[in-house]
Amino acid sequence: MDPILQITFFEIAMSLLAVCTIYELAKVVLPDDVAGPGGWLIDTSDDN
C-alpha cells in the first residue's frame, strides 16, 4: 500500500491546527523587530 494513502483527514487537520497555533504563538512571544510591524520573519503590518 502506498504510504500517502495512509494519511487521514484528522492528521491533516491537526497539522494545520498546530501550524496556526505556532504562528500565533510566535507573533506573541517574539520581539517586534522579528515578528511585528515591519518584522523580518513575520510582518504584521497592513501595508501591501
N, C-alpha and C. Protein backbone atom coordinates (compact mmCIF):
# COMPACT_ATOMS: atom_id res chain seq x y z
N MET A 1 0.84 -1.17 0.00
CA MET A 1 0.00 0.00 0.00
C MET A 1 0.89 1.24 0.00
N ASP A 2 0.50 2.23 -0.74
CA ASP A 2 1.24 3.48 -0.84
C ASP A 2 1.15 4.26 0.48
N PRO A 3 2.28 4.74 1.01
CA PRO A 3 2.26 5.44 2.31
C PRO A 3 1.39 6.70 2.31
N ILE A 4 1.26 7.37 1.18
CA ILE A 4 0.46 8.60 1.13
C ILE A 4 -1.03 8.31 1.34
N LEU A 5 -1.47 7.10 1.05
CA LEU A 5 -2.87 6.74 1.22
C LEU A 5 -3.23 6.50 2.68
N GLN A 6 -2.23 6.38 3.55
CA GLN A 6 -2.49 6.11 4.96
C GLN A 6 -2.72 7.40 5.76
N ILE A 7 -2.53 8.57 5.15
CA ILE A 7 -2.74 9.84 5.85
C ILE A 7 -4.24 10.10 5.92
N THR A 8 -4.72 10.40 7.12
CA THR A 8 -6.15 10.63 7.31
C THR A 8 -6.45 12.13 7.34
N PHE A 9 -7.72 12.44 7.19
CA PHE A 9 -8.16 13.84 7.26
C PHE A 9 -7.86 14.41 8.64
N PHE A 10 -8.02 13.61 9.68
CA PHE A 10 -7.75 14.06 11.04
C PHE A 10 -6.29 14.48 11.21
N GLU A 11 -5.36 13.73 10.63
CA GLU A 11 -3.95 14.08 10.72
C GLU A 11 -3.65 15.39 9.99
N ILE A 12 -4.28 15.62 8.86
CA ILE A 12 -4.10 16.86 8.12
C ILE A 12 -4.69 18.03 8.91
N ALA A 13 -5.86 17.85 9.49
CA ALA A 13 -6.49 18.90 10.27
C ALA A 13 -5.66 19.24 11.51
N MET A 14 -5.13 18.26 12.19
CA MET A 14 -4.31 18.50 13.37
C MET A 14 -3.00 19.19 13.00
N SER A 15 -2.43 18.86 11.86
CA SER A 15 -1.22 19.53 11.40
C SER A 15 -1.49 21.00 11.10
N LEU A 16 -2.61 21.29 10.47
CA LEU A 16 -2.99 22.67 10.18
C LEU A 16 -3.22 23.44 11.48
N LEU A 17 -3.88 22.83 12.43
CA LEU A 17 -4.11 23.46 13.72
C LEU A 17 -2.79 23.74 14.44
N ALA A 18 -1.85 22.82 14.37
CA ALA A 18 -0.55 23.01 15.01
C ALA A 18 0.22 24.16 14.37
N VAL A 19 0.20 24.26 13.05
CA VAL A 19 0.89 25.34 12.35
C VAL A 19 0.28 26.69 12.71
N CYS A 20 -1.03 26.78 12.74
CA CYS A 20 -1.70 28.03 13.10
C CYS A 20 -1.39 28.42 14.54
N THR A 21 -1.34 27.46 15.43
CA THR A 21 -1.04 27.73 16.83
C THR A 21 0.40 28.22 16.99
N ILE A 22 1.34 27.59 16.32
CA ILE A 22 2.74 28.01 16.39
C ILE A 22 2.91 29.40 15.81
N TYR A 23 2.21 29.71 14.72
CA TYR A 23 2.28 31.04 14.10
C TYR A 23 1.78 32.11 15.06
N GLU A 24 0.63 31.88 15.68
CA GLU A 24 0.07 32.86 16.62
C GLU A 24 0.96 32.99 17.86
N LEU A 25 1.50 31.91 18.35
CA LEU A 25 2.39 31.96 19.50
C LEU A 25 3.67 32.73 19.17
N ALA A 26 4.19 32.55 17.96
CA ALA A 26 5.40 33.27 17.54
C ALA A 26 5.15 34.76 17.49
N LYS A 27 3.96 35.18 17.04
CA LYS A 27 3.65 36.61 16.99
C LYS A 27 3.60 37.22 18.39
N VAL A 28 3.20 36.44 19.37
CA VAL A 28 3.08 36.95 20.74
C VAL A 28 4.45 36.94 21.45
N VAL A 29 5.22 35.89 21.28
CA VAL A 29 6.44 35.69 22.05
C VAL A 29 7.64 36.44 21.48
N LEU A 30 7.78 36.46 20.17
CA LEU A 30 8.97 37.07 19.56
C LEU A 30 8.91 38.59 19.65
N PRO A 31 10.08 39.24 19.70
CA PRO A 31 10.10 40.71 19.75
C PRO A 31 9.57 41.32 18.46
N ASP A 32 9.19 42.62 18.53
CA ASP A 32 8.57 43.28 17.38
C ASP A 32 9.47 43.38 16.16
N ASP A 33 10.78 43.45 16.33
CA ASP A 33 11.64 43.55 15.15
C ASP A 33 11.75 42.22 14.41
N VAL A 34 11.33 41.13 15.04
CA VAL A 34 11.31 39.81 14.39
C VAL A 34 9.90 39.48 13.90
N ALA A 35 8.91 39.65 14.77
CA ALA A 35 7.52 39.31 14.42
C ALA A 35 6.63 40.44 14.88
N GLY A 36 6.52 41.44 14.08
CA GLY A 36 5.69 42.60 14.40
C GLY A 36 5.55 43.47 13.18
N PRO A 37 5.12 44.70 13.35
CA PRO A 37 5.02 45.62 12.22
C PRO A 37 6.41 45.87 11.63
N GLY A 38 6.62 45.43 10.41
CA GLY A 38 7.93 45.56 9.76
C GLY A 38 8.93 44.51 10.16
N GLY A 39 8.48 43.46 10.82
CA GLY A 39 9.39 42.39 11.26
C GLY A 39 9.99 41.62 10.10
N TRP A 40 11.17 41.10 10.29
CA TRP A 40 11.85 40.39 9.20
C TRP A 40 11.36 38.96 9.02
N LEU A 41 10.80 38.36 10.05
CA LEU A 41 10.30 36.99 9.94
C LEU A 41 8.80 36.96 9.67
N ILE A 42 8.04 37.68 10.50
CA ILE A 42 6.58 37.79 10.34
C ILE A 42 6.24 39.27 10.34
N ASP A 43 5.79 39.77 9.20
CA ASP A 43 5.42 41.18 9.09
C ASP A 43 3.93 41.30 9.30
N THR A 44 3.52 41.94 10.41
CA THR A 44 2.11 42.05 10.75
C THR A 44 1.50 43.37 10.33
N SER A 45 2.24 44.20 9.58
CA SER A 45 1.69 45.48 9.16
C SER A 45 0.65 45.29 8.06
N ASP A 46 -0.20 46.28 7.88
CA ASP A 46 -1.26 46.22 6.88
C ASP A 46 -0.81 46.66 5.49
N ASP A 47 0.42 47.15 5.37
CA ASP A 47 0.93 47.59 4.07
C ASP A 47 1.11 46.39 3.15
N ASN A 48 0.83 46.60 1.87
CA ASN A 48 0.99 45.51 0.90
C ASN A 48 2.33 45.56 0.26
